[in-house]
């Protein structure tokens, strides 16, 4: 076993790590999601002439995992996103906006391979994740439990693509807010597995924690001048032009 950063290999150690068995990327356009508001904010929406969505974020994600029948090792994963939108409501053109907040949810279902686990897992560091199946028939007197894989999702900041203010049919005076959201995410299924890894040394920090006692002006003077912010960059020439020029010179020499 080779050295690492000048440190010799000491021993092989068994550690427990989360192994990703399957993952998928999603690019979803959630068209016309209806947002709900508190009673006070809904009154502001009803009086608005038009709206603008200034910010949307994901406030919560919940999972529901269930085995896929007749497809051993695969699981259906329901991922439910909860969105919170900051809305500026305008009663008239040129009027100052009133900021309100609404919520909405969206559920996406994917099927991923999560391998199988025939044992129950109990740990003091995490809640038990098991699935319970009712007995089918006959003399079955106990439930079948199996360790479930762990689902996780990484979400980029949602993009607000469109926002609409739609009035309900008369005689109702209610107005609905419909927002189209662009969402990028990566969904994974993983399980804890024991693996053997080479051990070189403990991870000792290479630098000391500094206590900043400088005054605000001294801190400001240490910041580099943001030249790029004052001078916009020009359009960079594509690399293909250089390649074409090189090819042209080669043909000319030939």
Protein backbone atom coordinates (compact mmCIF):
# COMPACT_ATOMS: atom_id res chain seq x y z
CA UNK A 1 0.00 0.00 0.00
CA UNK A 2 1.47 3.36 -1.06
CA UNK A 3 2.00 6.34 1.20
CA UNK A 4 -0.48 9.20 1.43
CA UNK A 5 0.89 12.75 1.71
CA UNK A 6 4.15 11.35 3.02
CA UNK A 7 2.41 9.33 5.75
CA UNK A 8 2.94 5.55 5.71
CA UNK A 9 0.07 3.10 5.67
CA UNK A 10 -0.51 1.76 9.19
CA UNK A 11 -3.36 -0.74 9.14
CA UNK A 12 -6.58 -1.83 7.47
CA UNK A 13 -9.62 -0.85 9.51
CA UNK A 14 -13.28 -1.81 9.23
CA UNK A 15 -15.61 1.17 9.32
CA UNK A 16 -19.33 1.59 8.73
CA UNK A 17 -20.34 3.96 5.95
CA UNK A 18 -23.45 4.76 3.94
CA UNK A 19 -23.17 3.13 0.52
CA UNK A 20 -25.27 4.64 -2.26
CA UNK A 21 -26.89 1.72 -4.10
CA UNK A 22 -28.86 3.77 -6.61
CA UNK A 23 -29.56 7.38 -7.48
CA UNK A 24 -31.28 9.46 -10.11
CA UNK A 25 -31.35 13.11 -11.13
CA UNK A 26 -34.60 14.92 -11.81
CA UNK A 27 -35.37 18.13 -13.67
CA UNK A 28 -39.03 18.89 -13.03
CA UNK A 29 -41.14 21.77 -14.26
CA UNK A 30 -43.95 22.04 -11.73
CA UNK A 31 -46.56 23.93 -13.68
CA UNK A 32 -49.23 26.04 -11.99
CA UNK A 33 -48.77 24.91 -8.39
CA UNK A 34 -51.57 26.35 -6.25
CA UNK A 35 -50.34 28.12 -3.11
CA UNK A 36 -52.36 28.49 0.07
CA UNK A 37 -52.22 31.46 2.45
CA UNK A 38 -53.31 32.39 5.92
CA UNK A 39 -56.65 34.14 6.23
CA UNK A 40 -55.01 37.56 6.58
CA UNK A 41 -52.69 37.01 3.61
CA UNK A 42 -55.54 35.63 1.50
CA UNK A 43 -57.41 38.90 2.07
CA UNK A 44 -54.40 40.75 0.63
CA UNK A 45 -54.33 38.41 -2.37
CA UNK A 46 -58.04 38.93 -3.03
CA UNK A 47 -57.53 42.71 -3.14
CA UNK A 48 -54.46 42.54 -5.39
CA UNK A 49 -54.47 43.57 -9.04
CA UNK A 50 -51.29 41.65 -9.85
CA UNK A 51 -48.51 39.81 -8.04
CA UNK A 52 -44.80 39.06 -8.24
CA UNK A 53 -42.98 36.08 -6.75
CA UNK A 54 -39.68 37.26 -5.31
CA UNK A 55 -38.40 34.13 -3.58
CA UNK A 56 -39.21 30.41 -3.36
CA UNK A 57 -37.49 27.90 -1.12
CA UNK A 58 -37.94 24.31 0.02
CA UNK A 59 -38.89 24.26 3.69
CA UNK A 60 -39.38 20.53 4.19
CA UNK A 61 -39.02 17.17 2.45
CA UNK A 62 -40.71 13.94 3.55
CA UNK A 63 -40.24 10.41 2.26
CA UNK A 64 -42.38 7.30 1.95
CA UNK A 65 -40.54 4.10 0.98
CA UNK A 66 -42.22 0.84 0.04
CA UNK A 67 -40.88 -2.34 -1.60
CA UNK A 68 -41.85 -2.94 -5.22
CA UNK A 69 -43.86 -6.14 -5.57
CA UNK A 70 -42.24 -8.94 -7.61
CA UNK A 71 -39.07 -6.86 -8.07
CA UNK A 72 -36.77 -7.82 -5.23
CA UNK A 73 -34.44 -5.11 -4.02
CA UNK A 74 -36.30 -2.23 -5.68
CA UNK A 75 -38.27 0.38 -3.79
CA UNK A 76 -40.83 3.03 -4.67
CA UNK A 77 -39.81 6.32 -3.11
CA UNK A 78 -42.38 9.09 -2.73
CA UNK A 79 -40.63 12.42 -2.19
CA UNK A 80 -42.91 15.23 -1.01
CA UNK A 81 -41.51 18.75 -1.26
CA UNK A 82 -43.00 21.65 0.70
CA UNK A 83 -42.44 25.07 -0.85
CA UNK A 84 -42.68 28.52 0.68
CA UNK A 85 -43.12 31.48 -1.65
CA UNK A 86 -42.66 35.14 -0.90
CA UNK A 87 -45.25 37.10 -2.86
CA UNK A 88 -45.46 40.83 -3.50
CA UNK A 89 -49.10 41.83 -3.97
CA UNK A 90 -49.92 45.12 -5.73
CA UNK A 91 -53.37 46.71 -5.47
CA UNK A 92 -52.63 49.09 -8.36
CA UNK A 93 -49.83 50.06 -10.71
CA UNK A 94 -47.25 52.15 -8.87
CA UNK A 95 -48.59 51.22 -5.45
CA UNK A 96 -46.31 49.90 -2.74
CA UNK A 97 -46.42 46.10 -2.55
CA UNK A 98 -47.62 44.07 0.40
CA UNK A 99 -45.47 41.02 1.13
CA UNK A 100 -47.30 37.78 1.92
CA UNK A 101 -46.19 34.16 2.19
CA UNK A 102 -47.81 31.05 0.77
CA UNK A 103 -47.13 27.33 0.88
CA UNK A 104 -47.58 24.47 -1.55
CA UNK A 105 -46.46 20.86 -1.90
CA UNK A 106 -45.52 18.46 -4.67
CA UNK A 107 -44.93 14.70 -4.59
CA UNK A 108 -42.58 12.91 -6.96
CA UNK A 109 -42.42 9.12 -7.18
CA UNK A 110 -39.30 7.27 -8.33
CA UNK A 111 -38.23 3.62 -8.29
CA UNK A 112 -34.66 2.90 -7.21
CA UNK A 113 -32.61 -0.13 -6.30
CA UNK A 114 -31.90 -0.22 -2.58
CA UNK A 115 -30.64 -3.78 -2.22
CA UNK A 116 -32.13 -5.98 0.48
CA UNK A 117 -31.68 -6.33 4.18
CA UNK A 118 -33.06 -9.33 6.00
CA UNK A 119 -32.23 -8.10 9.47
CA UNK A 120 -33.66 -5.46 11.75
CA UNK A 121 -31.32 -2.60 12.62
CA UNK A 122 -31.35 -1.05 16.07
CA UNK A 123 -29.05 1.81 17.00
CA UNK A 124 -28.81 4.38 19.75
CA UNK A 125 -27.80 7.03 17.20
CA UNK A 126 -30.72 6.82 14.81
CA UNK A 127 -34.41 5.84 14.81
CA UNK A 128 -35.38 2.36 13.72
CA UNK A 129 -36.35 2.18 10.08
CA UNK A 130 -38.38 -0.96 9.45
CA UNK A 131 -41.27 -1.94 7.26
CA UNK A 132 -44.02 -4.15 8.61
CA UNK A 133 -45.98 -6.55 6.42
CA UNK A 134 -49.17 -8.16 7.65
CA UNK A 135 -49.33 -11.97 7.60
CA UNK A 136 -50.96 -13.35 4.48
CA UNK A 137 -52.89 -16.41 5.53
CA UNK A 138 -52.64 -19.80 7.18
CA UNK A 139 -50.68 -20.24 10.38
CA UNK A 140 -48.62 -17.08 10.09
CA UNK A 141 -48.54 -15.57 13.53
CA UNK A 142 -45.82 -12.94 13.26
CA UNK A 143 -45.00 -10.02 11.06
CA UNK A 144 -42.15 -9.87 8.57
CA UNK A 145 -39.79 -7.02 9.23
CA UNK A 146 -36.85 -5.94 7.11
CA UNK A 147 -34.43 -3.06 7.27
CA UNK A 148 -35.34 -0.32 4.83
CA UNK A 149 -32.80 1.69 2.83
CA UNK A 150 -32.23 5.33 3.65
CA UNK A 151 -33.59 7.88 1.18
CA UNK A 152 -32.03 11.29 0.72
CA UNK A 153 -32.43 14.17 -1.69
CA UNK A 154 -30.21 17.10 -2.64
CA UNK A 155 -32.16 20.05 -3.99
CA UNK A 156 -30.94 23.12 -5.83
CA UNK A 157 -32.60 26.46 -5.17
CA UNK A 158 -36.04 26.39 -6.87
CA UNK A 159 -36.53 28.65 -9.87
CA UNK A 160 -39.68 30.74 -10.21
CA UNK A 161 -40.63 30.47 -13.89
CA UNK A 162 -44.07 32.10 -13.79
CA UNK A 163 -46.61 33.49 -11.33
CA UNK A 164 -50.30 34.01 -12.02
CA UNK A 165 -53.17 35.61 -10.15
CA UNK A 166 -56.35 33.80 -11.17
CA UNK A 167 -59.82 34.82 -10.00
CA UNK A 168 -62.40 32.16 -9.22
CA UNK A 169 -65.73 32.23 -11.07
CA UNK A 170 -68.41 34.60 -9.77
CA UNK A 171 -69.90 35.10 -7.27
CA UNK A 172 -66.74 34.08 -5.40
CA UNK A 173 -64.29 36.89 -4.69
CA UNK A 174 -61.39 34.54 -4.00
CA UNK A 175 -58.22 34.70 -6.08
CA UNK A 176 -55.69 31.91 -6.48
CA UNK A 177 -51.93 32.18 -6.87
CA UNK A 178 -50.48 29.71 -9.38
CA UNK A 179 -46.69 29.48 -9.63
CA UNK A 180 -44.61 27.44 -12.07
CA UNK A 181 -41.42 26.15 -10.44
CA UNK A 182 -38.29 24.66 -11.95
CA UNK A 183 -36.67 22.11 -9.66
CA UNK A 184 -33.37 20.22 -9.91
CA UNK A 185 -32.78 17.36 -7.48
CA UNK A 186 -30.77 14.17 -6.94
CA UNK A 187 -32.49 11.32 -5.09
CA UNK A 188 -30.49 8.48 -3.53
CA UNK A 189 -31.06 5.19 -1.75
CA UNK A 190 -28.29 4.06 0.58
CA UNK A 191 -27.59 1.56 3.33
CA UNK A 192 -24.99 1.36 6.10
CA UNK A 193 -22.35 -1.23 5.18
CA UNK A 194 -19.08 -2.32 6.81
CA UNK A 195 -16.10 -1.71 4.53
CA UNK A 196 -12.36 -2.16 4.87
CA UNK A 197 -10.27 0.98 4.35
CA UNK A 198 -6.56 1.73 4.70
CA UNK A 199 -5.70 3.83 7.75
CA UNK A 200 -2.80 6.28 7.64
CA UNK A 201 -3.31 8.49 10.66
CA UNK A 202 -5.89 10.52 12.54
CA UNK A 203 -7.23 13.64 10.86
CA UNK A 204 -5.44 16.26 12.89
CA UNK A 205 -6.28 19.85 11.82
CA UNK A 206 -3.37 21.53 10.08
CA UNK A 207 -4.17 25.07 11.19
CA UNK A 208 -5.07 26.83 14.39
CA UNK A 209 -8.34 28.62 15.03
CA UNK A 210 -7.70 32.35 14.79
CA UNK A 211 -9.47 34.82 17.03
CA UNK A 212 -10.32 37.90 15.02
CA UNK A 213 -9.80 40.95 17.22
CA UNK A 214 -9.38 43.48 14.43
CA UNK A 215 -11.58 46.52 14.25
CA UNK A 216 -14.24 46.65 11.49
CA UNK A 217 -12.13 49.10 9.47
CA UNK A 218 -9.04 46.88 9.73
CA UNK A 219 -11.08 43.91 8.54
CA UNK A 220 -12.41 45.97 5.63
CA UNK A 221 -8.91 47.02 4.59
CA UNK A 222 -7.89 43.35 4.27
CA UNK A 223 -10.57 42.70 1.64
CA UNK A 224 -9.27 42.80 -1.94
CA UNK A 225 -10.75 45.52 -4.12
CA UNK A 226 -13.59 43.99 -6.23
CA UNK A 227 -12.29 45.11 -9.62
CA UNK A 228 -14.42 42.62 -11.53
CA UNK A 229 -17.60 44.17 -10.12
CA UNK A 230 -16.78 47.51 -11.75
CA UNK A 231 -15.55 46.28 -15.14
CA UNK A 232 -17.80 43.76 -16.91
CA UNK A 233 -16.07 40.93 -18.67
CA UNK A 234 -16.02 40.82 -22.45
CA UNK A 235 -17.24 37.94 -24.55
CA UNK A 236 -14.55 35.29 -24.52
CA UNK A 237 -13.51 33.84 -27.84
CA UNK A 238 -14.51 30.20 -28.28
CA UNK A 239 -11.81 27.56 -28.26
CA UNK A 240 -13.03 26.19 -31.58
CA UNK A 241 -11.66 29.28 -33.32
CA UNK A 242 -8.17 28.46 -32.14
CA UNK A 243 -8.60 24.87 -33.26
CA UNK A 244 -9.82 26.00 -36.67
CA UNK A 245 -6.84 28.36 -37.01
CA UNK A 246 -4.47 25.53 -36.09
CA UNK A 247 -6.08 23.23 -38.63
CA UNK A 248 -5.86 25.95 -41.26
CA UNK A 249 -2.16 26.44 -40.59
CA UNK A 250 -1.61 22.70 -40.84
CA UNK A 251 -3.37 22.54 -44.19
CA UNK A 252 -1.39 25.55 -45.43
CA UNK A 253 1.90 23.92 -44.45
CA UNK A 254 0.83 20.69 -46.11
